[in-house]
Amino acid sequence: MRTTLSLDDDVAALLARVRKARKAGLKQIVNEALRSGLRVMAAPPAKRSAFHTRPVALGRCFLPEFDDVSGVIAFLEGEQHK
């Protein structure tokens, strides 16, 4: 199959470097690269293991409630916090 392909500058430079190192033709290197890359892209994503957070006992809470922010600040910093 014949087709026109526009390459980004970084891809063209890497392609030229690989061609020179392997002493191979453009068609061969492009086909190998496409096969390799497409195999990776077509493969299903790797299975991830579930992450579990272990609970830690922190002791009892010293504040009666958290709904009243000014009450929490007063408890922590004293009544003269303003």
PDB file of N, CA and C in Angstrom:
ATOM      1  N   MET A   1       0.850  -1.175   0.000  1.00  0.00           N
ATOM      2  CA  MET A   1       0.000   0.000   0.000  1.00  0.00           C
ATOM      3  C   MET A   1       0.895   1.237   0.000  1.00  0.00           C
ATOM      4  N   ARG A   2       0.602   2.156  -0.833  1.00  0.00           N
ATOM      5  CA  ARG A   2       1.343   3.407  -0.889  1.00  0.00           C
ATOM      6  C   ARG A   2       0.519   4.489  -0.211  1.00  0.00           C
ATOM      7  N   THR A   3       1.212   5.288   0.582  1.00  0.00           N
ATOM      8  CA  THR A   3       0.546   6.402   1.237  1.00  0.00           C
ATOM      9  C   THR A   3       1.562   7.482   1.541  1.00  0.00           C
ATOM     10  N   THR A   4       1.097   8.707   1.705  1.00  0.00           N
ATOM     11  CA  THR A   4       1.965   9.818   2.092  1.00  0.00           C
ATOM     12  C   THR A   4       1.837  10.003   3.591  1.00  0.00           C
ATOM     13  N   LEU A   5       2.972  10.160   4.229  1.00  0.00           N
ATOM     14  CA  LEU A   5       2.985  10.249   5.679  1.00  0.00           C
ATOM     15  C   LEU A   5       3.783  11.475   6.089  1.00  0.00           C
ATOM     16  N   SER A   6       3.188  12.363   6.876  1.00  0.00           N
ATOM     17  CA  SER A   6       3.893  13.537   7.394  1.00  0.00           C
ATOM     18  C   SER A   6       4.380  13.216   8.796  1.00  0.00           C
ATOM     19  N   LEU A   7       5.677  13.359   9.022  1.00  0.00           N
ATOM     20  CA  LEU A   7       6.271  13.032  10.318  1.00  0.00           C
ATOM     21  C   LEU A   7       6.658  14.304  11.059  1.00  0.00           C
ATOM     22  N   ASP A   8       6.497  14.287  12.363  1.00  0.00           N
ATOM     23  CA  ASP A   8       6.998  15.383  13.188  1.00  0.00           C
ATOM     24  C   ASP A   8       8.516  15.346  13.155  1.00  0.00           C
ATOM     25  N   ASP A   9       9.135  16.493  13.427  1.00  0.00           N
ATOM     26  CA  ASP A   9      10.598  16.591  13.344  1.00  0.00           C
ATOM     27  C   ASP A   9      11.308  15.619  14.277  1.00  0.00           C
ATOM     28  N   ASP A  10      10.792  15.473  15.510  1.00  0.00           N
ATOM     29  CA  ASP A  10      11.452  14.573  16.459  1.00  0.00           C
ATOM     30  C   ASP A  10      11.342  13.113  16.014  1.00  0.00           C
ATOM     31  N   VAL A  11      10.212  12.755  15.410  1.00  0.00           N
ATOM     32  CA  VAL A  11      10.020  11.385  14.922  1.00  0.00           C
ATOM     33  C   VAL A  11      10.934  11.124  13.726  1.00  0.00           C
ATOM     34  N   ALA A  12      11.046  12.097  12.829  1.00  0.00           N
ATOM     35  CA  ALA A  12      11.920  11.946  11.655  1.00  0.00           C
ATOM     36  C   ALA A  12      13.378  11.803  12.083  1.00  0.00           C
ATOM     37  N   ALA A  13      13.790  12.571  13.098  1.00  0.00           N
ATOM     38  CA  ALA A  13      15.170  12.479  13.584  1.00  0.00           C
ATOM     39  C   ALA A  13      15.439  11.113  14.205  1.00  0.00           C
ATOM     40  N   LEU A  14      14.504  10.620  14.987  1.00  0.00           N
ATOM     41  CA  LEU A  14      14.662   9.301  15.603  1.00  0.00           C
ATOM     42  C   LEU A  14      14.669   8.207  14.539  1.00  0.00           C
ATOM     43  N   LEU A  15      13.812   8.361  13.553  1.00  0.00           N
ATOM     44  CA  LEU A  15      13.758   7.402  12.449  1.00  0.00           C
ATOM     45  C   LEU A  15      15.088   7.375  11.690  1.00  0.00           C
ATOM     46  N   ALA A  16      15.663   8.530  11.429  1.00  0.00           N
ATOM     47  CA  ALA A  16      16.948   8.600  10.736  1.00  0.00           C
ATOM     48  C   ALA A  16      18.057   7.955  11.577  1.00  0.00           C
ATOM     49  N   ARG A  17      18.011   8.179  12.903  1.00  0.00           N
ATOM     50  CA  ARG A  17      19.018   7.597  13.789  1.00  0.00           C
ATOM     51  C   ARG A  17      18.932   6.067  13.790  1.00  0.00           C
ATOM     52  N   VAL A  18      17.693   5.535  13.839  1.00  0.00           N
ATOM     53  CA  VAL A  18      17.502   4.076  13.844  1.00  0.00           C
ATOM     54  C   VAL A  18      17.916   3.481  12.500  1.00  0.00           C
ATOM     55  N   ARG A  19      17.578   4.144  11.415  1.00  0.00           N
ATOM     56  CA  ARG A  19      17.969   3.664  10.076  1.00  0.00           C
ATOM     57  C   ARG A  19      19.479   3.568   9.957  1.00  0.00           C
ATOM     58  N   LYS A  20      20.169   4.591  10.457  1.00  0.00           N
ATOM     59  CA  LYS A  20      21.628   4.608  10.377  1.00  0.00           C
ATOM     60  C   LYS A  20      22.238   3.508  11.243  1.00  0.00           C
ATOM     61  N   ALA A  21      21.697   3.315  12.441  1.00  0.00           N
ATOM     62  CA  ALA A  21      22.232   2.308  13.363  1.00  0.00           C
ATOM     63  C   ALA A  21      22.008   0.897  12.832  1.00  0.00           C
ATOM     64  N   ARG A  22      20.861   0.654  12.230  1.00  0.00           N
ATOM     65  CA  ARG A  22      20.536  -0.692  11.733  1.00  0.00           C
ATOM     66  C   ARG A  22      20.941  -0.914  10.287  1.00  0.00           C
ATOM     67  N   LYS A  23      21.310   0.154   9.623  1.00  0.00           N
ATOM     68  CA  LYS A  23      21.653   0.086   8.189  1.00  0.00           C
ATOM     69  C   LYS A  23      20.523  -0.594   7.407  1.00  0.00           C
ATOM     70  N   ALA A  24      19.305  -0.075   7.612  1.00  0.00           N
ATOM     71  CA  ALA A  24      18.117  -0.639   6.965  1.00  0.00           C
ATOM     72  C   ALA A  24      17.383   0.462   6.207  1.00  0.00           C
ATOM     73  N   GLY A  25      16.475   0.045   5.361  1.00  0.00           N
ATOM     74  CA  GLY A  25      15.706   0.990   4.564  1.00  0.00           C
ATOM     75  C   GLY A  25      14.568   1.625   5.357  1.00  0.00           C
ATOM     76  N   LEU A  26      14.089   2.735   4.845  1.00  0.00           N
ATOM     77  CA  LEU A  26      13.009   3.483   5.482  1.00  0.00           C
ATOM     78  C   LEU A  26      11.751   2.622   5.629  1.00  0.00           C
ATOM     79  N   LYS A  27      11.378   1.917   4.569  1.00  0.00           N
ATOM     80  CA  LYS A  27      10.168   1.099   4.595  1.00  0.00           C
ATOM     81  C   LYS A  27      10.241   0.037   5.688  1.00  0.00           C
ATOM     82  N   GLN A  28      11.377  -0.631   5.800  1.00  0.00           N
ATOM     83  CA  GLN A  28      11.531  -1.688   6.794  1.00  0.00           C
ATOM     84  C   GLN A  28      11.432  -1.128   8.218  1.00  0.00           C
ATOM     85  N   ILE A  29      12.117  -0.033   8.475  1.00  0.00           N
ATOM     86  CA  ILE A  29      12.121   0.549   9.826  1.00  0.00           C
ATOM     87  C   ILE A  29      10.728   1.066  10.191  1.00  0.00           C
ATOM     88  N   VAL A  30      10.067   1.747   9.270  1.00  0.00           N
ATOM     89  CA  VAL A  30       8.720   2.276   9.555  1.00  0.00           C
ATOM     90  C   VAL A  30       7.747   1.133   9.814  1.00  0.00           C
ATOM     91  N   ASN A  31       7.807   0.074   9.013  1.00  0.00           N
ATOM     92  CA  ASN A  31       6.907  -1.058   9.226  1.00  0.00           C
ATOM     93  C   ASN A  31       7.168  -1.743  10.568  1.00  0.00           C
ATOM     94  N   GLU A  32       8.441  -1.924  10.938  1.00  0.00           N
ATOM     95  CA  GLU A  32       8.752  -2.528  12.234  1.00  0.00           C
ATOM     96  C   GLU A  32       8.239  -1.660  13.385  1.00  0.00           C
ATOM     97  N   ALA A  33       8.461  -0.363  13.272  1.00  0.00           N
ATOM     98  CA  ALA A  33       8.035   0.553  14.322  1.00  0.00           C
ATOM     99  C   ALA A  33       6.509   0.570  14.460  1.00  0.00           C
ATOM    100  N   LEU A  34       5.821   0.583  13.334  1.00  0.00           N
ATOM    101  CA  LEU A  34       4.360   0.574  13.368  1.00  0.00           C
ATOM    102  C   LEU A  34       3.826  -0.732  13.942  1.00  0.00           C
ATOM    103  N   ARG A  35       4.391  -1.851  13.537  1.00  0.00           N
ATOM    104  CA  ARG A  35       3.949  -3.140  14.083  1.00  0.00           C
ATOM    105  C   ARG A  35       4.136  -3.183  15.595  1.00  0.00           C
ATOM    106  N   SER A  36       5.308  -2.779  16.026  1.00  0.00           N
ATOM    107  CA  SER A  36       5.622  -2.800  17.460  1.00  0.00           C
ATOM    108  C   SER A  36       4.700  -1.858  18.242  1.00  0.00           C
ATOM    109  N   GLY A  37       4.559  -0.655  17.760  1.00  0.00           N
ATOM    110  CA  GLY A  37       3.716   0.331  18.447  1.00  0.00           C
ATOM    111  C   GLY A  37       2.245  -0.040  18.426  1.00  0.00           C
ATOM    112  N   LEU A  38       1.764  -0.535  17.313  1.00  0.00           N
ATOM    113  CA  LEU A  38       0.347  -0.903  17.213  1.00  0.00           C
ATOM    114  C   LEU A  38       0.023  -2.118  18.071  1.00  0.00           C
ATOM    115  N   ARG A  39       0.983  -3.045  18.206  1.00  0.00           N
ATOM    116  CA  ARG A  39       0.778  -4.190  19.103  1.00  0.00           C
ATOM    117  C   ARG A  39       0.562  -3.705  20.534  1.00  0.00           C
ATOM    118  N   VAL A  40       1.394  -2.773  20.950  1.00  0.00           N
ATOM    119  CA  VAL A  40       1.278  -2.230  22.310  1.00  0.00           C
ATOM    120  C   VAL A  40      -0.035  -1.472  22.471  1.00  0.00           C
ATOM    121  N   MET A  41      -0.393  -0.684  21.474  1.00  0.00           N
ATOM    122  CA  MET A  41      -1.626   0.117  21.558  1.00  0.00           C
ATOM    123  C   MET A  41      -2.881  -0.757  21.542  1.00  0.00           C
ATOM    124  N   ALA A  42      -2.831  -1.890  20.836  1.00  0.00           N
ATOM    125  CA  ALA A  42      -4.004  -2.765  20.715  1.00  0.00           C
ATOM    126  C   ALA A  42      -4.162  -3.706  21.900  1.00  0.00           C
ATOM    127  N   ALA A  43      -3.102  -3.891  22.666  1.00  0.00           N
ATOM    128  CA  ALA A  43      -3.164  -4.808  23.812  1.00  0.00           C
ATOM    129  C   ALA A  43      -4.055  -4.222  24.903  1.00  0.00           C
ATOM    130  N   PRO A  44      -4.756  -5.078  25.635  1.00  0.00           N
ATOM    131  CA  PRO A  44      -5.581  -4.566  26.735  1.00  0.00           C
ATOM    132  C   PRO A  44      -4.679  -3.975  27.818  1.00  0.00           C
ATOM    133  N   PRO A  45      -5.183  -2.988  28.532  1.00  0.00           N
ATOM    134  CA  PRO A  45      -4.355  -2.371  29.570  1.00  0.00           C
ATOM    135  C   PRO A  45      -3.991  -3.376  30.661  1.00  0.00           C
ATOM    136  N   ALA A  46      -2.840  -3.171  31.250  1.00  0.00           N
ATOM    137  CA  ALA A  46      -2.373  -4.065  32.306  1.00  0.00           C
ATOM    138  C   ALA A  46      -3.322  -4.008  33.505  1.00  0.00           C
ATOM    139  N   LYS A  47      -3.527  -5.139  34.112  1.00  0.00           N
ATOM    140  CA  LYS A  47      -4.424  -5.241  35.264  1.00  0.00           C
ATOM    141  C   LYS A  47      -3.759  -4.581  36.467  1.00  0.00           C
ATOM    142  N   ARG A  48      -4.478  -3.689  37.126  1.00  0.00           N
ATOM    143  CA  ARG A  48      -3.954  -3.025  38.310  1.00  0.00           C
ATOM    144  C   ARG A  48      -4.460  -3.726  39.555  1.00  0.00           C
ATOM    145  N   SER A  49      -3.595  -3.816  40.529  1.00  0.00           N
ATOM    146  CA  SER A  49      -4.048  -4.395  41.797  1.00  0.00           C
ATOM    147  C   SER A  49      -4.748  -3.303  42.609  1.00  0.00           C
ATOM    148  N   ALA A  50      -5.704  -3.720  43.393  1.00  0.00           N
ATOM    149  CA  ALA A  50      -6.475  -2.771  44.188  1.00  0.00           C
ATOM    150  C   ALA A  50      -5.599  -2.192  45.294  1.00  0.00           C
ATOM    151  N   PHE A  51      -5.776  -0.904  45.558  1.00  0.00           N
ATOM    152  CA  PHE A  51      -5.035  -0.251  46.631  1.00  0.00           C
ATOM    153  C   PHE A  51      -5.921  -0.195  47.860  1.00  0.00           C
ATOM    154  N   HIS A  52      -5.405  -0.643  48.968  1.00  0.00           N
ATOM    155  CA  HIS A  52      -6.166  -0.651  50.215  1.00  0.00           C
ATOM    156  C   HIS A  52      -5.452   0.213  51.249  1.00  0.00           C
ATOM    157  N   THR A  53      -6.219   1.047  51.918  1.00  0.00           N
ATOM    158  CA  THR A  53      -5.686   1.868  53.001  1.00  0.00           C
ATOM    159  C   THR A  53      -6.037   1.195  54.312  1.00  0.00           C
ATOM    160  N   ARG A  54      -5.025   0.973  55.118  1.00  0.00           N
ATOM    161  CA  ARG A  54      -5.264   0.334  56.407  1.00  0.00           C
ATOM    162  C   ARG A  54      -5.746   1.367  57.412  1.00  0.00           C
ATOM    163  N   PRO A  55      -6.807   1.070  58.143  1.00  0.00           N
ATOM    164  CA  PRO A  55      -7.287   2.022  59.146  1.00  0.00           C
ATOM    165  C   PRO A  55      -6.343   2.061  60.350  1.00  0.00           C
ATOM    166  N   VAL A  56      -6.305   3.213  60.999  1.00  0.00           N
ATOM    167  CA  VAL A  56      -5.463   3.406  62.176  1.00  0.00           C
ATOM    168  C   VAL A  56      -6.332   4.024  63.267  1.00  0.00           C
ATOM    169  N   ALA A  57      -6.269   3.470  64.458  1.00  0.00           N
ATOM    170  CA  ALA A  57      -7.026   4.022  65.585  1.00  0.00           C
ATOM    171  C   ALA A  57      -6.296   5.267  66.094  1.00  0.00           C
ATOM    172  N   LEU A  58      -6.964   6.400  66.098  1.00  0.00           N
ATOM    173  CA  LEU A  58      -6.364   7.651  66.537  1.00  0.00           C
ATOM    174  C   LEU A  58      -6.828   8.062  67.933  1.00  0.00           C
ATOM    175  N   GLY A  59      -7.623   7.234  68.539  1.00  0.00           N
ATOM    176  CA  GLY A  59      -8.133   7.584  69.868  1.00  0.00           C
ATOM    177  C   GLY A  59      -9.433   8.367  69.765  1.00  0.00           C
ATOM    178  N   ARG A  60      -9.920   8.784  70.908  1.00  0.00           N
ATOM    179  CA  ARG A  60     -11.203   9.497  70.886  1.00  0.00           C
ATOM    180  C   ARG A  60     -11.006  10.943  70.468  1.00  0.00           C
ATOM    181  N   CYS A  61     -12.055  11.546  69.970  1.00  0.00           N
ATOM    182  CA  CYS A  61     -12.038  12.945  69.552  1.00  0.00           C
ATOM    183  C   CYS A  61     -12.281  13.824  70.776  1.00  0.00           C
ATOM    184  N   PHE A  62     -11.471  14.850  70.951  1.00  0.00           N
ATOM    185  CA  PHE A  62     -11.608  15.737  72.108  1.00  0.00           C
ATOM    186  C   PHE A  62     -12.609  16.853  71.884  1.00  0.00           C
ATOM    187  N   LEU A  63     -13.051  17.037  70.646  1.00  0.00           N
ATOM    188  CA  LEU A  63     -14.024  18.081  70.346  1.00  0.00           C
ATOM    189  C   LEU A  63     -15.422  17.491  70.339  1.00  0.00           C
ATOM    190  N   PRO A  64     -16.362  18.183  70.956  1.00  0.00           N
ATOM    191  CA  PRO A  64     -17.721  17.651  70.992  1.00  0.00           C
ATOM    192  C   PRO A  64     -18.381  17.623  69.619  1.00  0.00           C
ATOM    193  N   GLU A  65     -18.099  18.622  68.751  1.00  0.00           N
ATOM    194  CA  GLU A  65     -18.670  18.666  67.406  1.00  0.00           C
ATOM    195  C   GLU A  65     -17.815  19.546  66.508  1.00  0.00           C
ATOM    196  N   PHE A  66     -17.923  19.307  65.216  1.00  0.00           N
ATOM    197  CA  PHE A  66     -17.146  20.081  64.247  1.00  0.00           C
ATOM    198  C   PHE A  66     -18.012  21.067  63.473  1.00  0.00           C
ATOM    199  N   ASP A  67     -19.298  21.111  63.721  1.00  0.00           N
ATOM    200  CA  ASP A  67     -20.198  21.965  62.950  1.00  0.00           C
ATOM    201  C   ASP A  67     -19.972  23.442  63.235  1.00  0.00           C
ATOM    202  N   ASP A  68     -19.598  23.785  64.443  1.00  0.00           N
ATOM    203  CA  ASP A  68     -19.409  25.180  64.836  1.00  0.00           C
ATOM    204  C   ASP A  68     -17.918  25.507  64.763  1.00  0.00           C
ATOM    205  N   VAL A  69     -17.491  26.150  63.664  1.00  0.00           N
ATOM    206  CA  VAL A  69     -16.080  26.427  63.446  1.00  0.00           C
ATOM    207  C   VAL A  69     -15.530  27.353  64.517  1.00  0.00           C
ATOM    208  N   SER A  70     -16.267  28.392  64.865  1.00  0.00           N
ATOM    209  CA  SER A  70     -15.776  29.312  65.891  1.00  0.00           C
ATOM    210  C   SER A  70     -15.658  28.609  67.239  1.00  0.00           C
ATOM    211  N   GLY A  71     -16.516  27.645  67.506  1.00  0.00           N
ATOM    212  CA  GLY A  71     -16.425  26.871  68.738  1.00  0.00           C
ATOM    213  C   GLY A  71     -15.179  25.995  68.757  1.00  0.00           C
ATOM    214  N   VAL A  72     -14.837  25.416  67.624  1.00  0.00           N
ATOM    215  CA  VAL A  72     -13.629  24.595  67.527  1.00  0.00           C
ATOM    216  C   VAL A  72     -12.391  25.462  67.727  1.00  0.00           C
ATOM    217  N   ILE A  73     -12.357  26.651  67.072  1.00  0.00           N
ATOM    218  CA  ILE A  73     -11.215  27.560  67.235  1.00  0.00           C
ATOM    219  C   ILE A  73     -11.105  28.014  68.684  1.00  0.00           C
ATOM    220  N   ALA A  74     -12.232  28.332  69.296  1.00  0.00           N
ATOM    221  CA  ALA A  74     -12.215  28.751  70.697  1.00  0.00           C
ATOM    222  C   ALA A  74     -11.699  27.629  71.585  1.00  0.00           C
ATOM    223  N   PHE A  75     -12.072  26.409  71.296  1.00  0.00           N
ATOM    224  CA  PHE A  75     -11.604  25.267  72.078  1.00  0.00           C
ATOM    225  C   PHE A  75     -10.094  25.086  71.933  1.00  0.00           C
ATOM    226  N   LEU A  76      -9.588  25.226  70.687  1.00  0.00           N
ATOM    227  CA  LEU A  76      -8.175  24.982  70.431  1.00  0.00           C
ATOM    228  C   LEU A  76      -7.279  26.147  70.857  1.00  0.00           C
ATOM    229  N   GLU A  77      -7.741  27.382  70.631  1.00  0.00           N
ATOM    230  CA  GLU A  77      -6.884  28.543  70.900  1.00  0.00           C
ATOM    231  C   GLU A  77      -7.308  29.339  72.117  1.00  0.00           C
ATOM    232  N   GLY A  78      -8.380  28.983  72.724  1.00  0.00           N
ATOM    233  CA  GLY A  78      -8.874  29.722  73.878  1.00  0.00           C
ATOM    234  C   GLY A  78      -9.876  30.775  73.436  1.00  0.00           C
ATOM    235  N   GLU A  79     -10.562  31.336  74.388  1.00  0.00           N
ATOM    236  CA  GLU A  79     -11.617  32.313  74.066  1.00  0.00           C
ATOM    237  C   GLU A  79     -11.051  33.623  73.534  1.00  0.00           C
ATOM    238  N   GLN A  80      -9.788  33.904  73.741  1.00  0.00           N
ATOM    239  CA  GLN A  80      -9.189  35.172  73.309  1.00  0.00           C
ATOM    240  C   GLN A  80      -8.615  35.092  71.896  1.00  0.00           C
ATOM    241  N   HIS A  81      -9.138  34.204  71.061  1.00  0.00           N
ATOM    242  CA  HIS A  81      -8.587  33.974  69.724  1.00  0.00           C
ATOM    243  C   HIS A  81      -8.862  35.085  68.739  1.00  0.00           C
ATOM    244  N   LYS A  82      -9.767  36.001  69.041  1.00  0.00           N
ATOM    245  CA  LYS A  82     -10.160  37.044  68.069  1.00  0.00           C
ATOM    246  C   LYS A  82      -9.219  38.181  68.055  1.00  0.00           C
TER     247      LYS A  82
END
